[in-house]
Amino acid sequence: MMSELHADRLFLAVDGFDLQTGPSTPDVLEAQLNNMMMRSAREVTVVADFSKLGRRAISKIGHSTEFTVDHG
């Protein structure tokens, strides 16, 4: 069903974000769902506070090359 949905913008809250591996979460099923939602969106904005930066959870959501990092 997710592959049939399309969105202009996705705001994705994550448990960890590392510049080498990208966003991650401890839940494998959540990571799969988040990845599907990312593929259905034209633009993805990762929402994370400073405590999530440099942190890696066990399940990778996507690749870091799929995001633009804004330090503002």
C-alpha atoms as a PDB file:
ATOM      1  CA  MET A   1       0.000   0.000   0.000  1.00  0.00           C
ATOM      2  CA  MET A   2       2.821   2.470   0.816  1.00  0.00           C
ATOM      3  CA  SER A   3       4.213   2.200  -2.701  1.00  0.00           C
ATOM      4  CA  GLU A   4       0.932   3.648  -3.995  1.00  0.00           C
ATOM      5  CA  LEU A   5       1.213   6.803  -1.850  1.00  0.00           C
ATOM      6  CA  HIS A   6       3.042   9.963  -2.891  1.00  0.00           C
ATOM      7  CA  ALA A   7       3.988  13.008  -0.834  1.00  0.00           C
ATOM      8  CA  ASP A   8       5.694  16.288  -1.607  1.00  0.00           C
ATOM      9  CA  ARG A   9       7.472  16.449   1.750  1.00  0.00           C
ATOM     10  CA  LEU A  10       8.248  13.969   4.539  1.00  0.00           C
ATOM     11  CA  PHE A  11       9.392  15.035   7.994  1.00  0.00           C
ATOM     12  CA  LEU A  12      11.192  12.026   9.442  1.00  0.00           C
ATOM     13  CA  ALA A  13      12.069  11.847  13.153  1.00  0.00           C
ATOM     14  CA  VAL A  14      14.970   9.473  13.812  1.00  0.00           C
ATOM     15  CA  ASP A  15      16.692   7.870  16.792  1.00  0.00           C
ATOM     16  CA  GLY A  16      20.171   8.362  15.360  1.00  0.00           C
ATOM     17  CA  PHE A  17      21.852  10.174  12.480  1.00  0.00           C
ATOM     18  CA  ASP A  18      25.423   9.529  11.408  1.00  0.00           C
ATOM     19  CA  LEU A  19      26.857  11.287   8.338  1.00  0.00           C
ATOM     20  CA  GLN A  20      28.436   8.042   7.074  1.00  0.00           C
ATOM     21  CA  THR A  21      25.494   5.675   7.555  1.00  0.00           C
ATOM     22  CA  GLY A  22      22.529   8.062   7.573  1.00  0.00           C
ATOM     23  CA  PRO A  23      19.420   7.889   9.769  1.00  0.00           C
ATOM     24  CA  SER A  24      18.688   4.867  11.933  1.00  0.00           C
ATOM     25  CA  THR A  25      16.250   3.392  14.444  1.00  0.00           C
ATOM     26  CA  PRO A  26      16.338   0.406  16.824  1.00  0.00           C
ATOM     27  CA  ASP A  27      13.177  -1.078  15.232  1.00  0.00           C
ATOM     28  CA  VAL A  28      13.701  -3.076  11.993  1.00  0.00           C
ATOM     29  CA  LEU A  29      10.051  -2.798  10.893  1.00  0.00           C
ATOM     30  CA  GLU A  30      10.023   0.945  11.548  1.00  0.00           C
ATOM     31  CA  ALA A  31      13.193   1.320   9.448  1.00  0.00           C
ATOM     32  CA  GLN A  32      11.554  -0.535   6.547  1.00  0.00           C
ATOM     33  CA  LEU A  33       8.407   1.599   6.753  1.00  0.00           C
ATOM     34  CA  ASN A  34      10.434   4.817   6.991  1.00  0.00           C
ATOM     35  CA  ASN A  35      12.469   3.774   3.943  1.00  0.00           C
ATOM     36  CA  MET A  36       9.263   3.195   1.950  1.00  0.00           C
ATOM     37  CA  MET A  37       7.929   6.590   3.017  1.00  0.00           C
ATOM     38  CA  MET A  38      11.221   8.219   1.946  1.00  0.00           C
ATOM     39  CA  ARG A  39      10.961   6.659  -1.499  1.00  0.00           C
ATOM     40  CA  SER A  40       7.386   7.974  -1.831  1.00  0.00           C
ATOM     41  CA  ALA A  41       8.342  11.566  -0.988  1.00  0.00           C
ATOM     42  CA  ARG A  42       9.893  14.183  -3.250  1.00  0.00           C
ATOM     43  CA  GLU A  43      11.727  15.846  -0.363  1.00  0.00           C
ATOM     44  CA  VAL A  44      12.801  14.364   2.978  1.00  0.00           C
ATOM     45  CA  THR A  45      13.592  16.445   6.045  1.00  0.00           C
ATOM     46  CA  VAL A  46      15.209  14.562   8.915  1.00  0.00           C
ATOM     47  CA  VAL A  47      14.177  15.889  12.312  1.00  0.00           C
ATOM     48  CA  ALA A  48      16.738  15.278  15.070  1.00  0.00           C
ATOM     49  CA  ASP A  49      18.131  17.159  18.019  1.00  0.00           C
ATOM     50  CA  PHE A  50      21.847  17.336  18.819  1.00  0.00           C
ATOM     51  CA  SER A  51      21.743  14.156  20.932  1.00  0.00           C
ATOM     52  CA  LYS A  52      20.929  12.077  17.819  1.00  0.00           C
ATOM     53  CA  LEU A  53      23.880  13.342  15.740  1.00  0.00           C
ATOM     54  CA  GLY A  54      26.743  10.887  15.441  1.00  0.00           C
ATOM     55  CA  ARG A  55      24.593   8.164  17.006  1.00  0.00           C
ATOM     56  CA  ARG A  56      23.834   4.864  15.242  1.00  0.00           C
ATOM     57  CA  ALA A  57      20.911   2.590  16.021  1.00  0.00           C
ATOM     58  CA  ILE A  58      20.864  -0.999  14.757  1.00  0.00           C
ATOM     59  CA  SER A  59      18.493  -0.528  11.765  1.00  0.00           C
ATOM     60  CA  LYS A  60      19.553   1.810   8.970  1.00  0.00           C
ATOM     61  CA  ILE A  61      16.669   3.742   7.383  1.00  0.00           C
ATOM     62  CA  GLY A  62      18.411   5.175   4.317  1.00  0.00           C
ATOM     63  CA  HIS A  63      21.737   6.319   2.954  1.00  0.00           C
ATOM     64  CA  SER A  64      23.323   9.605   4.019  1.00  0.00           C
ATOM     65  CA  THR A  65      23.661  10.611   0.355  1.00  0.00           C
ATOM     66  CA  GLU A  66      19.850  10.926   0.159  1.00  0.00           C
ATOM     67  CA  PHE A  67      19.834  13.939   2.494  1.00  0.00           C
ATOM     68  CA  THR A  68      20.971  17.515   2.579  1.00  0.00           C
ATOM     69  CA  VAL A  69      22.302  18.510   6.001  1.00  0.00           C
ATOM     70  CA  ASP A  70      21.312  21.966   7.228  1.00  0.00           C
ATOM     71  CA  HIS A  71      23.191  23.088  10.325  1.00  0.00           C
ATOM     72  CA  GLY A  72      20.936  26.143  10.777  1.00  0.00           C
END
